Amino acid sequence: MTALLLAVMMLLLSGCGRQKSDVITITNVSYDPTREFYEAYNKMFIQHYEVETGKKVEVIQSHGGSGMQARSVVEGCNADVVTLALAHDISLIEDTGLINEGWMDQFPDESAPYTSTIVFLVRKGNERNIKDWDDLIQPGVEVITPDPKSSGGACWNFLAALSYAKEKGYSEAEQKKFLRELYANVSVMDSGARGSTTTFVENGKGDVLIAWENEAMTVLKNYPGEYELISPTVSILAQPSVAVVDDNVDFNGTRDVAEAYLSYLYEDDAQRLAAENGYRPSNQEILKEYEDTFDLTMTLWSIDDFGGWDQAYKDYFDDDAWFDEIYNY
């Protein structure tokens, strides 16, 4: 098998390739826990678009750790749209010129059609009596969370824990000590959020999973009576971001479909579908319809409280920043 043929096959298997047909094909490169949502959303959008335009659409999905997914687009994955865990991952693609400047202003709410937050998932009975972040640093508590070097969800997890420490008024030294003790209790650090869920649920590892709220809700739905969702007192407003990959859609001739695909995420039926899949609608009126679904009493910090993603990466996630310092202590 030639190297070229092998490369083509790998692209097709990864969800980043496409085959010629009369159907308009677009590729959505997304992060791990959106699988179930986009499986349902794609069916909804395809039906909507055909009714509106008379044209048939196929959507190819690709999922993985958000940081790895961003790098796959930079390295040639032919994504028409990206729906990633955080704005910083899309900015990495923007830096290469594949996405135009100002992408965050292309769609409402800074191109974040839904939000989430970070919660805990424990086994039924909550044997360790885990209620808040300080319970995660107790001796013997085994924590599961993914790696911030590859997972956008893991970055949100880290910042949610740090938000708690800041809310408590800890000094910088105390914040680092708290995080060091928390990560010392992490037994498995997968590359993506879904991998961590598999480690906790399928492989039975850990006492507590630090998870996206929507991911925890998916587990509750799929394993009724086996797990409990714990909302900590303090967390973070996690804003997954979406963008059109401008260079690719112009080459593919798919700009109209790609823009329609992301715009439709803001329509009422899509917002309600997001809520039913555990995501908090950006439409505040629709979010109120689901106030019994989500814990709206948590104190939520935001990425702005950390100076935005560029500053947060510089301070916490770049090489030799806080995460490296506390994890390699």
C-alpha atoms as a PDB file:
ATOM      1  CA  MET A   1       0.000   0.000   0.000  1.00  0.00           C
ATOM      2  CA  THR A   2       1.477   3.355  -1.007  1.00  0.00           C
ATOM      3  CA  ALA A   3       1.973   6.089   1.553  1.00  0.00           C
ATOM      4  CA  LEU A   4      -0.534   8.297  -0.303  1.00  0.00           C
ATOM      5  CA  LEU A   5      -3.241   5.635  -0.268  1.00  0.00           C
ATOM      6  CA  LEU A   6      -2.617   4.966   3.416  1.00  0.00           C
ATOM      7  CA  ALA A   7      -2.949   8.678   4.192  1.00  0.00           C
ATOM      8  CA  VAL A   8      -6.253   8.889   2.314  1.00  0.00           C
ATOM      9  CA  MET A   9      -7.621   5.859   4.159  1.00  0.00           C
ATOM     10  CA  MET A  10      -6.599   7.321   7.519  1.00  0.00           C
ATOM     11  CA  LEU A  11      -8.445  10.546   6.728  1.00  0.00           C
ATOM     12  CA  LEU A  12     -11.589   8.668   5.802  1.00  0.00           C
ATOM     13  CA  LEU A  13     -11.465   6.543   8.920  1.00  0.00           C
ATOM     14  CA  SER A  14     -10.912   9.550  11.155  1.00  0.00           C
ATOM     15  CA  GLY A  15     -13.984  11.335   9.851  1.00  0.00           C
ATOM     16  CA  CYS A  16     -11.914  14.054   8.175  1.00  0.00           C
ATOM     17  CA  GLY A  17     -12.272  12.817   4.612  1.00  0.00           C
ATOM     18  CA  ARG A  18     -15.184  12.978   2.162  1.00  0.00           C
ATOM     19  CA  GLN A  19     -16.377  11.121  -0.889  1.00  0.00           C
ATOM     20  CA  LYS A  20     -17.774  12.740  -4.038  1.00  0.00           C
ATOM     21  CA  SER A  21     -21.519  12.492  -4.498  1.00  0.00           C
ATOM     22  CA  ASP A  22     -24.518  14.569  -5.460  1.00  0.00           C
ATOM     23  CA  VAL A  23     -25.146  15.180  -1.770  1.00  0.00           C
ATOM     24  CA  ILE A  24     -23.470  18.219  -0.215  1.00  0.00           C
ATOM     25  CA  THR A  25     -21.062  16.888   2.388  1.00  0.00           C
ATOM     26  CA  ILE A  26     -19.655  18.858   5.280  1.00  0.00           C
ATOM     27  CA  THR A  27     -17.408  17.743   8.112  1.00  0.00           C
ATOM     28  CA  ASN A  28     -17.849  18.833  11.718  1.00  0.00           C
ATOM     29  CA  VAL A  29     -14.738  18.347  13.847  1.00  0.00           C
ATOM     30  CA  SER A  30     -15.868  18.363  17.450  1.00  0.00           C
ATOM     31  CA  TYR A  31     -14.709  17.371  20.907  1.00  0.00           C
ATOM     32  CA  ASP A  32     -15.439  14.181  22.818  1.00  0.00           C
ATOM     33  CA  PRO A  33     -18.708  14.588  24.767  1.00  0.00           C
ATOM     34  CA  THR A  34     -20.744  16.093  21.902  1.00  0.00           C
ATOM     35  CA  ARG A  35     -21.225  12.770  20.129  1.00  0.00           C
ATOM     36  CA  GLU A  36     -24.818  12.157  21.199  1.00  0.00           C
ATOM     37  CA  PHE A  37     -25.905  15.762  20.717  1.00  0.00           C
ATOM     38  CA  TYR A  38     -24.562  16.081  17.184  1.00  0.00           C
ATOM     39  CA  GLU A  39     -25.879  12.683  16.200  1.00  0.00           C
ATOM     40  CA  ALA A  40     -29.365  14.040  16.952  1.00  0.00           C
ATOM     41  CA  TYR A  41     -28.679  17.587  15.746  1.00  0.00           C
ATOM     42  CA  ASN A  42     -27.345  16.463  12.367  1.00  0.00           C
ATOM     43  CA  LYS A  43     -30.589  14.615  11.634  1.00  0.00           C
ATOM     44  CA  MET A  44     -32.561  17.713  12.621  1.00  0.00           C
ATOM     45  CA  PHE A  45     -30.438  20.051  10.505  1.00  0.00           C
ATOM     46  CA  ILE A  46     -30.419  17.789   7.442  1.00  0.00           C
ATOM     47  CA  GLN A  47     -34.214  17.657   7.454  1.00  0.00           C
ATOM     48  CA  HIS A  48     -34.480  21.418   8.021  1.00  0.00           C
ATOM     49  CA  TYR A  49     -32.010  22.285   5.269  1.00  0.00           C
ATOM     50  CA  GLU A  50     -33.681  20.072   2.692  1.00  0.00           C
ATOM     51  CA  VAL A  51     -37.088  21.605   3.472  1.00  0.00           C
ATOM     52  CA  GLU A  52     -35.624  25.112   3.253  1.00  0.00           C
ATOM     53  CA  THR A  53     -33.476  24.677   0.127  1.00  0.00           C
ATOM     54  CA  GLY A  54     -34.429  21.393  -1.535  1.00  0.00           C
ATOM     55  CA  LYS A  55     -30.789  20.280  -1.234  1.00  0.00           C
ATOM     56  CA  LYS A  56     -29.556  17.118   0.430  1.00  0.00           C
ATOM     57  CA  VAL A  57     -26.778  17.315   3.007  1.00  0.00           C
ATOM     58  CA  GLU A  58     -24.559  14.759   4.708  1.00  0.00           C
ATOM     59  CA  VAL A  59     -22.622  15.606   7.868  1.00  0.00           C
ATOM     60  CA  ILE A  60     -19.468  13.694   8.722  1.00  0.00           C
ATOM     61  CA  GLN A  61     -18.553  13.788  12.419  1.00  0.00           C
ATOM     62  CA  SER A  62     -15.131  13.593  14.026  1.00  0.00           C
ATOM     63  CA  HIS A  63     -14.611  13.482  17.798  1.00  0.00           C
ATOM     64  CA  GLY A  64     -11.639  13.499  20.137  1.00  0.00           C
ATOM     65  CA  GLY A  65      -9.880  15.612  22.725  1.00  0.00           C
ATOM     66  CA  SER A  66     -10.484  19.254  21.774  1.00  0.00           C
ATOM     67  CA  GLY A  67      -6.821  20.226  21.622  1.00  0.00           C
ATOM     68  CA  MET A  68      -5.988  17.202  19.488  1.00  0.00           C
ATOM     69  CA  GLN A  69      -8.937  17.951  17.206  1.00  0.00           C
ATOM     70  CA  ALA A  70      -7.723  21.515  16.679  1.00  0.00           C
ATOM     71  CA  ARG A  71      -4.276  20.218  15.788  1.00  0.00           C
ATOM     72  CA  SER A  72      -5.793  17.733  13.320  1.00  0.00           C
ATOM     73  CA  VAL A  73      -7.431  20.632  11.446  1.00  0.00           C
ATOM     74  CA  VAL A  74      -4.160  22.569  11.424  1.00  0.00           C
ATOM     75  CA  GLU A  75      -2.436  19.466  10.067  1.00  0.00           C
ATOM     76  CA  GLY A  76      -4.903  19.029   7.191  1.00  0.00           C
ATOM     77  CA  CYS A  77      -8.181  17.510   8.407  1.00  0.00           C
ATOM     78  CA  ASN A  78     -10.700  18.918   5.915  1.00  0.00           C
ATOM     79  CA  ALA A  79     -13.173  20.327   8.445  1.00  0.00           C
ATOM     80  CA  ASP A  80     -15.865  22.696   7.216  1.00  0.00           C
ATOM     81  CA  VAL A  81     -16.836  23.630  10.767  1.00  0.00           C
ATOM     82  CA  VAL A  82     -15.307  23.117  14.185  1.00  0.00           C
ATOM     83  CA  THR A  83     -17.346  22.838  17.376  1.00  0.00           C
ATOM     84  CA  LEU A  84     -14.673  22.664  20.055  1.00  0.00           C
ATOM     85  CA  ALA A  85     -14.508  22.774  23.832  1.00  0.00           C
ATOM     86  CA  LEU A  86     -13.007  26.233  24.162  1.00  0.00           C
ATOM     87  CA  ALA A  87     -12.239  29.342  22.144  1.00  0.00           C
ATOM     88  CA  HIS A  88      -8.496  28.935  22.530  1.00  0.00           C
ATOM     89  CA  ASP A  89      -8.519  25.770  20.419  1.00  0.00           C
ATOM     90  CA  ILE A  90     -10.256  27.632  17.596  1.00  0.00           C
ATOM     91  CA  SER A  91      -7.822  30.513  17.963  1.00  0.00           C
ATOM     92  CA  LEU A  92      -4.984  28.049  17.339  1.00  0.00           C
ATOM     93  CA  ILE A  93      -6.576  27.273  13.962  1.00  0.00           C
ATOM     94  CA  GLU A  94      -7.135  30.991  13.323  1.00  0.00           C
ATOM     95  CA  ASP A  95      -3.414  31.598  13.887  1.00  0.00           C
ATOM     96  CA  THR A  96      -2.635  29.446  10.824  1.00  0.00           C
ATOM     97  CA  GLY A  97      -4.940  31.505   8.591  1.00  0.00           C
ATOM     98  CA  LEU A  98      -7.471  28.697   8.092  1.00  0.00           C
ATOM     99  CA  ILE A  99     -10.105  30.654  10.038  1.00  0.00           C
ATOM    100  CA  ASN A 100     -10.601  34.364   9.462  1.00  0.00           C
ATOM    101  CA  GLU A 101     -10.063  36.931  12.182  1.00  0.00           C
ATOM    102  CA  GLY A 102     -13.223  37.948  13.992  1.00  0.00           C
ATOM    103  CA  TRP A 103     -14.709  34.440  13.981  1.00  0.00           C
ATOM    104  CA  MET A 104     -16.014  34.943  17.516  1.00  0.00           C
ATOM    105  CA  ASP A 105     -18.293  37.717  16.281  1.00  0.00           C
ATOM    106  CA  GLN A 106     -19.751  35.716  13.386  1.00  0.00           C
ATOM    107  CA  PHE A 107     -22.450  34.082  15.528  1.00  0.00           C
ATOM    108  CA  PRO A 108     -24.330  35.271  18.637  1.00  0.00           C
ATOM    109  CA  ASP A 109     -23.027  34.986  22.191  1.00  0.00           C
ATOM    110  CA  GLU A 110     -19.388  35.035  21.088  1.00  0.00           C
ATOM    111  CA  SER A 111     -20.066  32.013  18.870  1.00  0.00           C
ATOM    112  CA  ALA A 112     -21.036  29.870  21.859  1.00  0.00           C
ATOM    113  CA  PRO A 113     -24.531  28.496  21.070  1.00  0.00           C
ATOM    114  CA  TYR A 114     -24.673  26.476  24.294  1.00  0.00           C
ATOM    115  CA  THR A 115     -22.734  26.425  27.539  1.00  0.00           C
ATOM    116  CA  SER A 116     -21.962  23.925  30.247  1.00  0.00           C
ATOM    117  CA  THR A 117     -20.181  23.772  33.568  1.00  0.00           C
ATOM    118  CA  ILE A 118     -18.040  21.344  35.539  1.00  0.00           C
ATOM    119  CA  VAL A 119     -19.557  18.931  38.059  1.00  0.00           C
ATOM    120  CA  PHE A 120     -18.693  15.690  39.859  1.00  0.00           C
ATOM    121  CA  LEU A 121     -19.947  12.223  39.038  1.00  0.00           C
ATOM    122  CA  VAL A 122     -19.869   9.658  41.855  1.00  0.00           C
ATOM    123  CA  ARG A 123     -21.135   6.129  42.239  1.00  0.00           C
ATOM    124  CA  LYS A 124     -24.547   5.580  43.812  1.00  0.00           C
ATOM    125  CA  GLY A 125     -24.413   6.075  47.564  1.00  0.00           C
ATOM    126  CA  ASN A 126     -21.474   8.509  47.326  1.00  0.00           C
ATOM    127  CA  GLU A 127     -19.380   6.408  49.697  1.00  0.00           C
ATOM    128  CA  ARG A 128     -16.741   9.140  50.052  1.00  0.00           C
ATOM    129  CA  ASN A 129     -19.411  11.776  50.872  1.00  0.00           C
ATOM    130  CA  ILE A 130     -18.109  14.093  48.187  1.00  0.00           C
ATOM    131  CA  LYS A 131     -19.975  17.406  48.154  1.00  0.00           C
ATOM    132  CA  ASP A 132     -17.470  20.071  47.111  1.00  0.00           C
ATOM    133  CA  TRP A 133     -13.962  20.629  45.794  1.00  0.00           C
ATOM    134  CA  ASP A 134     -12.237  20.357  49.158  1.00  0.00           C
ATOM    135  CA  ASP A 135     -13.511  16.774  49.449  1.00  0.00           C
ATOM    136  CA  LEU A 136     -11.405  15.861  46.403  1.00  0.00           C
ATOM    137  CA  ILE A 137      -8.136  16.520  48.215  1.00  0.00           C
ATOM    138  CA  GLN A 138      -8.877  14.189  51.122  1.00  0.00           C
ATOM    139  CA  PRO A 139      -6.431  11.268  51.546  1.00  0.00           C
ATOM    140  CA  GLY A 140      -7.467   8.161  49.663  1.00  0.00           C
ATOM    141  CA  VAL A 141      -9.958   9.853  47.313  1.00  0.00           C
ATOM    142  CA  GLU A 142      -9.243   8.649  43.781  1.00  0.00           C
ATOM    143  CA  VAL A 143     -10.003  11.328  41.168  1.00  0.00           C
ATOM    144  CA  ILE A 144     -10.416  10.865  37.412  1.00  0.00           C
ATOM    145  CA  THR A 145      -9.926  13.861  35.088  1.00  0.00           C
ATOM    146  CA  PRO A 146      -8.367  14.205  31.612  1.00  0.00           C
ATOM    147  CA  ASP A 147      -5.091  15.868  30.658  1.00  0.00           C
ATOM    148  CA  PRO A 148      -5.155  19.664  30.076  1.00  0.00           C
ATOM    149  CA  LYS A 149      -2.391  19.244  27.508  1.00  0.00           C
ATOM    150  CA  SER A 150      -4.797  17.510  25.112  1.00  0.00           C
ATOM    151  CA  SER A 151      -8.324  18.066  26.453  1.00  0.00           C
ATOM    152  CA  GLY A 152     -10.290  21.294  26.484  1.00  0.00           C
ATOM    153  CA  GLY A 153     -12.614  19.840  29.105  1.00  0.00           C
ATOM    154  CA  ALA A 154      -9.597  19.216  31.319  1.00  0.00           C
ATOM    155  CA  CYS A 155      -8.662  22.899  31.081  1.00  0.00           C
ATOM    156  CA  TRP A 156     -12.162  23.817  32.226  1.00  0.00           C
ATOM    157  CA  ASN A 157     -11.826  21.285  35.077  1.00  0.00           C
ATOM    158  CA  PHE A 158      -8.580  22.888  36.223  1.00  0.00           C
ATOM    159  CA  LEU A 159     -10.039  26.394  36.083  1.00  0.00           C
ATOM    160  CA  ALA A 160     -13.206  25.290  37.889  1.00  0.00           C
ATOM    161  CA  ALA A 161     -11.091  23.947  40.753  1.00  0.00           C
ATOM    162  CA  LEU A 162      -9.029  27.127  40.745  1.00  0.00           C
ATOM    163  CA  SER A 163     -12.238  29.191  40.789  1.00  0.00           C
ATOM    164  CA  TYR A 164     -13.178  27.452  44.032  1.00  0.00           C
ATOM    165  CA  ALA A 165      -9.780  28.246  45.556  1.00  0.00           C
ATOM    166  CA  LYS A 166     -10.048  31.877  44.489  1.00  0.00           C
ATOM    167  CA  GLU A 167     -13.614  32.117  45.787  1.00  0.00           C
ATOM    168  CA  LYS A 168     -12.336  30.884  49.149  1.00  0.00           C
ATOM    169  CA  GLY A 169      -9.828  33.741  49.190  1.00  0.00           C
ATOM    170  CA  TYR A 170      -6.750  31.521  49.024  1.00  0.00           C
ATOM    171  CA  SER A 171      -3.408  33.182  48.353  1.00  0.00           C
ATOM    172  CA  GLU A 172      -1.506  32.162  45.235  1.00  0.00           C
ATOM    173  CA  ALA A 173       0.626  29.795  47.277  1.00  0.00           C
ATOM    174  CA  GLU A 174      -2.504  28.279  48.835  1.00  0.00           C
ATOM    175  CA  GLN A 175      -4.121  27.939  45.411  1.00  0.00           C
ATOM    176  CA  LYS A 176      -1.134  25.993  44.112  1.00  0.00           C
ATOM    177  CA  LYS A 177      -1.095  23.812  47.223  1.00  0.00           C
ATOM    178  CA  PHE A 178      -4.803  23.042  46.781  1.00  0.00           C
ATOM    179  CA  LEU A 179      -4.350  22.127  43.113  1.00  0.00           C
ATOM    180  CA  ARG A 180      -1.247  20.088  43.874  1.00  0.00           C
ATOM    181  CA  GLU A 181      -3.163  18.039  46.437  1.00  0.00           C
ATOM    182  CA  LEU A 182      -6.075  17.582  44.046  1.00  0.00           C
ATOM    183  CA  TYR A 183      -3.923  16.356  41.153  1.00  0.00           C
ATOM    184  CA  ALA A 184      -1.925  14.144  43.491  1.00  0.00           C
ATOM    185  CA  ASN A 185      -5.192  12.223  43.916  1.00  0.00           C
ATOM    186  CA  VAL A 186      -5.683  11.800  40.151  1.00  0.00           C
ATOM    187  CA  SER A 187      -5.027   8.155  39.298  1.00  0.00           C
ATOM    188  CA  VAL A 188      -5.744   8.189  35.545  1.00  0.00           C
ATOM    189  CA  MET A 189      -5.391  11.156  33.188  1.00  0.00           C
ATOM    190  CA  ASP A 190      -6.846  10.329  29.769  1.00  0.00           C
ATOM    191  CA  SER A 191      -6.329  12.428  26.639  1.00  0.00           C
ATOM    192  CA  GLY A 192      -9.994  13.433  26.389  1.00  0.00           C
ATOM    193  CA  ALA A 193     -13.127  13.848  28.476  1.00  0.00           C
ATOM    194  CA  ARG A 194     -14.892  10.839  26.965  1.00  0.00           C
ATOM    195  CA  GLY A 195     -11.835   8.695  27.681  1.00  0.00           C
ATOM    196  CA  SER A 196     -12.032   9.734  31.337  1.00  0.00           C
ATOM    197  CA  THR A 197     -15.718   8.837  31.418  1.00  0.00           C
ATOM    198  CA  THR A 198     -14.885   5.409  30.018  1.00  0.00           C
ATOM    199  CA  THR A 199     -12.180   4.966  32.652  1.00  0.00           C
ATOM    200  CA  PHE A 200     -14.620   5.836  35.429  1.00  0.00           C
ATOM    201  CA  VAL A 201     -17.762   4.120  34.164  1.00  0.00           C
ATOM    202  CA  GLU A 202     -16.654   1.193  32.015  1.00  0.00           C
ATOM    203  CA  ASN A 203     -13.379   0.385  33.756  1.00  0.00           C
ATOM    204  CA  GLY A 204     -14.600   1.116  37.276  1.00  0.00           C
ATOM    205  CA  LYS A 205     -11.659   3.302  38.231  1.00  0.00           C
ATOM    206  CA  GLY A 206     -11.893   6.157  40.715  1.00  0.00           C
ATOM    207  CA  ASP A 207     -14.213   7.511  43.381  1.00  0.00           C
ATOM    208  CA  VAL A 208     -15.143  10.671  41.505  1.00  0.00           C
ATOM    209  CA  LEU A 209     -15.060  11.892  37.919  1.00  0.00           C
ATOM    210  CA  ILE A 210     -14.615  15.619  37.283  1.00  0.00           C
ATOM    211  CA  ALA A 211     -16.823  16.033  34.244  1.00  0.00           C
ATOM    212  CA  TRP A 212     -18.737  18.271  31.919  1.00  0.00           C
ATOM    213  CA  GLU A 213     -22.264  18.657  33.268  1.00  0.00           C
ATOM    214  CA  ASN A 214     -23.708  17.319  30.033  1.00  0.00           C
ATOM    215  CA  GLU A 215     -21.383  14.302  30.118  1.00  0.00           C
ATOM    216  CA  ALA A 216     -22.436  13.488  33.682  1.00  0.00           C
ATOM    217  CA  MET A 217     -26.098  13.772  32.663  1.00  0.00           C
ATOM    218  CA  THR A 218     -25.502  11.381  29.765  1.00  0.00           C
ATOM    219  CA  VAL A 219     -24.090   8.803  32.186  1.00  0.00           C
ATOM    220  CA  LEU A 220     -27.113   9.196  34.491  1.00  0.00           C
ATOM    221  CA  LYS A 221     -29.396   8.600  31.522  1.00  0.00           C
ATOM    222  CA  ASN A 222     -27.491   5.578  30.245  1.00  0.00           C
ATOM    223  CA  TYR A 223     -26.920   3.972  33.669  1.00  0.00           C
ATOM    224  CA  PRO A 224     -30.050   4.745  35.684  1.00  0.00           C
ATOM    225  CA  GLY A 225     -29.661   4.323  39.417  1.00  0.00           C
ATOM    226  CA  GLU A 226     -25.908   3.653  39.290  1.00  0.00           C
ATOM    227  CA  TYR A 227     -24.422   7.139  39.602  1.00  0.00           C
ATOM    228  CA  GLU A 228     -25.061  10.526  41.194  1.00  0.00           C
ATOM    229  CA  LEU A 229     -24.313  14.010  39.880  1.00  0.00           C
ATOM    230  CA  ILE A 230     -22.866  16.389  42.472  1.00  0.00           C
ATOM    231  CA  SER A 231     -22.935  20.123  41.756  1.00  0.00           C
ATOM    232  CA  PRO A 232     -20.120  21.906  43.645  1.00  0.00           C
ATOM    233  CA  THR A 233     -20.789  25.302  45.200  1.00  0.00           C
ATOM    234  CA  VAL A 234     -18.382  26.979  42.776  1.00  0.00           C
ATOM    235  CA  SER A 235     -17.608  26.077  39.188  1.00  0.00           C
ATOM    236  CA  ILE A 236     -17.027  27.841  35.875  1.00  0.00           C
ATOM    237  CA  LEU A 237     -19.169  28.912  32.936  1.00  0.00           C
ATOM    238  CA  ALA A 238     -17.753  26.661  30.227  1.00  0.00           C
ATOM    239  CA  GLN A 239     -18.334  28.059  26.750  1.00  0.00           C
ATOM    240  CA  PRO A 240     -17.748  25.602  23.899  1.00  0.00           C
ATOM    241  CA  SER A 241     -17.154  27.573  20.697  1.00  0.00           C
ATOM    242  CA  VAL A 242     -18.048  27.057  17.041  1.00  0.00           C
ATOM    243  CA  ALA A 243     -16.554  28.423  13.825  1.00  0.00           C
ATOM    244  CA  VAL A 244     -16.519  28.002  10.084  1.00  0.00           C
ATOM    245  CA  VAL A 245     -13.131  26.903   8.740  1.00  0.00           C
ATOM    246  CA  ASP A 246     -12.978  29.588   6.068  1.00  0.00           C
ATOM    247  CA  ASP A 247     -10.154  28.263   3.880  1.00  0.00           C
ATOM    248  CA  ASN A 248     -11.702  24.817   3.730  1.00  0.00           C
ATOM    249  CA  VAL A 249     -15.271  25.892   2.948  1.00  0.00           C
ATOM    250  CA  ASP A 250     -14.058  28.214   0.208  1.00  0.00           C
ATOM    251  CA  PHE A 251     -12.073  25.367  -1.330  1.00  0.00           C
ATOM    252  CA  ASN A 252     -14.926  22.869  -0.853  1.00  0.00           C
ATOM    253  CA  GLY A 253     -17.656  25.251  -2.032  1.00  0.00           C
ATOM    254  CA  THR A 254     -19.620  24.606   1.172  1.00  0.00           C
ATOM    255  CA  ARG A 255     -19.705  28.020   2.859  1.00  0.00           C
ATOM    256  CA  ASP A 256     -23.496  28.457   2.621  1.00  0.00           C
ATOM    257  CA  VAL A 257     -24.192  25.054   4.155  1.00  0.00           C
ATOM    258  CA  ALA A 258     -21.519  25.408   6.831  1.00  0.00           C
ATOM    259  CA  GLU A 259     -22.808  28.805   7.945  1.00  0.00           C
ATOM    260  CA  ALA A 260     -26.395  27.534   7.945  1.00  0.00           C
ATOM    261  CA  TYR A 261     -25.292  24.523   9.999  1.00  0.00           C
ATOM    262  CA  LEU A 262     -23.870  26.695  12.784  1.00  0.00           C
ATOM    263  CA  SER A 263     -26.601  29.335  12.592  1.00  0.00           C
ATOM    264  CA  TYR A 264     -29.297  26.712  13.096  1.00  0.00           C
ATOM    265  CA  LEU A 265     -27.781  25.836  16.479  1.00  0.00           C
ATOM    266  CA  TYR A 266     -29.375  29.052  17.764  1.00  0.00           C
ATOM    267  CA  GLU A 267     -32.897  28.209  16.592  1.00  0.00           C
ATOM    268  CA  ASP A 268     -35.407  27.313  19.299  1.00  0.00           C
ATOM    269  CA  ASP A 269     -35.756  23.633  18.411  1.00  0.00           C
ATOM    270  CA  ALA A 270     -31.983  23.190  18.335  1.00  0.00           C
ATOM    271  CA  GLN A 271     -31.632  25.061  21.641  1.00  0.00           C
ATOM    272  CA  ARG A 272     -34.148  22.720  23.246  1.00  0.00           C
ATOM    273  CA  LEU A 273     -32.347  19.722  21.760  1.00  0.00           C
ATOM    274  CA  ALA A 274     -29.134  20.993  23.353  1.00  0.00           C
ATOM    275  CA  ALA A 275     -30.891  21.236  26.719  1.00  0.00           C
ATOM    276  CA  GLU A 276     -32.241  17.714  26.365  1.00  0.00           C
ATOM    277  CA  ASN A 277     -28.654  16.581  25.823  1.00  0.00           C
ATOM    278  CA  GLY A 278     -27.419  18.334  28.951  1.00  0.00           C
ATOM    279  CA  TYR A 279     -26.142  21.590  27.453  1.00  0.00           C
ATOM    280  CA  ARG A 280     -27.323  24.934  28.795  1.00  0.00           C
ATOM    281  CA  PRO A 281     -29.010  26.905  25.984  1.00  0.00           C
ATOM    282  CA  SER A 282     -27.518  30.314  25.248  1.00  0.00           C
ATOM    283  CA  ASN A 283     -31.107  31.516  24.814  1.00  0.00           C
ATOM    284  CA  GLN A 284     -31.886  32.535  28.389  1.00  0.00           C
ATOM    285  CA  GLU A 285     -35.644  32.220  27.932  1.00  0.00           C
ATOM    286  CA  ILE A 286     -35.271  28.608  26.827  1.00  0.00           C
ATOM    287  CA  LEU A 287     -32.775  27.973  29.636  1.00  0.00           C
ATOM    288  CA  LYS A 288     -35.511  29.031  32.085  1.00  0.00           C
ATOM    289  CA  GLU A 289     -37.735  26.287  30.670  1.00  0.00           C
ATOM    290  CA  TYR A 290     -35.127  23.797  31.924  1.00  0.00           C
ATOM    291  CA  GLU A 291     -34.443  25.295  35.348  1.00  0.00           C
ATOM    292  CA  ASP A 292     -35.385  21.962  36.920  1.00  0.00           C
ATOM    293  CA  THR A 293     -32.752  20.225  34.777  1.00  0.00           C
ATOM    294  CA  PHE A 294     -29.763  22.405  35.628  1.00  0.00           C
ATOM    295  CA  ASP A 295     -28.479  23.632  38.973  1.00  0.00           C
ATOM    296  CA  LEU A 296     -28.593  27.375  38.425  1.00  0.00           C
ATOM    297  CA  THR A 297     -27.546  28.177  42.011  1.00  0.00           C
ATOM    298  CA  MET A 298     -23.827  27.459  41.575  1.00  0.00           C
ATOM    299  CA  THR A 299     -21.434  30.390  41.629  1.00  0.00           C
ATOM    300  CA  LEU A 300     -19.916  30.363  38.143  1.00  0.00           C
ATOM    301  CA  TRP A 301     -16.665  32.104  37.381  1.00  0.00           C
ATOM    302  CA  SER A 302     -15.829  32.812  33.741  1.00  0.00           C
ATOM    303  CA  ILE A 303     -12.756  32.724  31.546  1.00  0.00           C
ATOM    304  CA  ASP A 304     -12.738  36.522  31.712  1.00  0.00           C
ATOM    305  CA  ASP A 305     -11.935  36.225  35.418  1.00  0.00           C
ATOM    306  CA  PHE A 306      -8.655  34.637  34.312  1.00  0.00           C
ATOM    307  CA  GLY A 307      -7.835  37.278  31.714  1.00  0.00           C
ATOM    308  CA  GLY A 308      -9.205  35.378  28.715  1.00  0.00           C
ATOM    309  CA  TRP A 309      -7.841  32.227  27.138  1.00  0.00           C
ATOM    310  CA  ASP A 310      -4.543  33.639  25.903  1.00  0.00           C
ATOM    311  CA  GLN A 311      -3.655  34.753  29.415  1.00  0.00           C
ATOM    312  CA  ALA A 312      -5.021  31.570  30.986  1.00  0.00           C
ATOM    313  CA  TYR A 313      -2.862  29.403  28.742  1.00  0.00           C
ATOM    314  CA  LYS A 314       0.181  31.501  29.478  1.00  0.00           C
ATOM    315  CA  ASP A 315      -0.432  31.310  33.224  1.00  0.00           C
ATOM    316  CA  TYR A 316      -1.683  27.754  33.617  1.00  0.00           C
ATOM    317  CA  PHE A 317      -1.293  25.430  30.619  1.00  0.00           C
ATOM    318  CA  ASP A 318       1.757  26.379  28.545  1.00  0.00           C
ATOM    319  CA  ASP A 319       4.985  24.496  29.168  1.00  0.00           C
ATOM    320  CA  ASP A 320       6.349  25.242  32.648  1.00  0.00           C
ATOM    321  CA  ALA A 321       3.172  27.107  33.652  1.00  0.00           C
ATOM    322  CA  TRP A 322       1.063  26.262  36.733  1.00  0.00           C
ATOM    323  CA  PHE A 323      -0.153  22.851  35.613  1.00  0.00           C
ATOM    324  CA  ASP A 324       3.352  21.603  34.860  1.00  0.00           C
ATOM    325  CA  GLU A 325       4.595  23.110  38.097  1.00  0.00           C
ATOM    326  CA  ILE A 326       2.017  21.480  40.330  1.00  0.00           C
ATOM    327  CA  TYR A 327       1.748  18.160  38.468  1.00  0.00           C
ATOM    328  CA  ASN A 328       5.496  17.590  38.234  1.00  0.00           C
ATOM    329  CA  TYR A 329       6.107  18.749  41.821  1.00  0.00           C
END
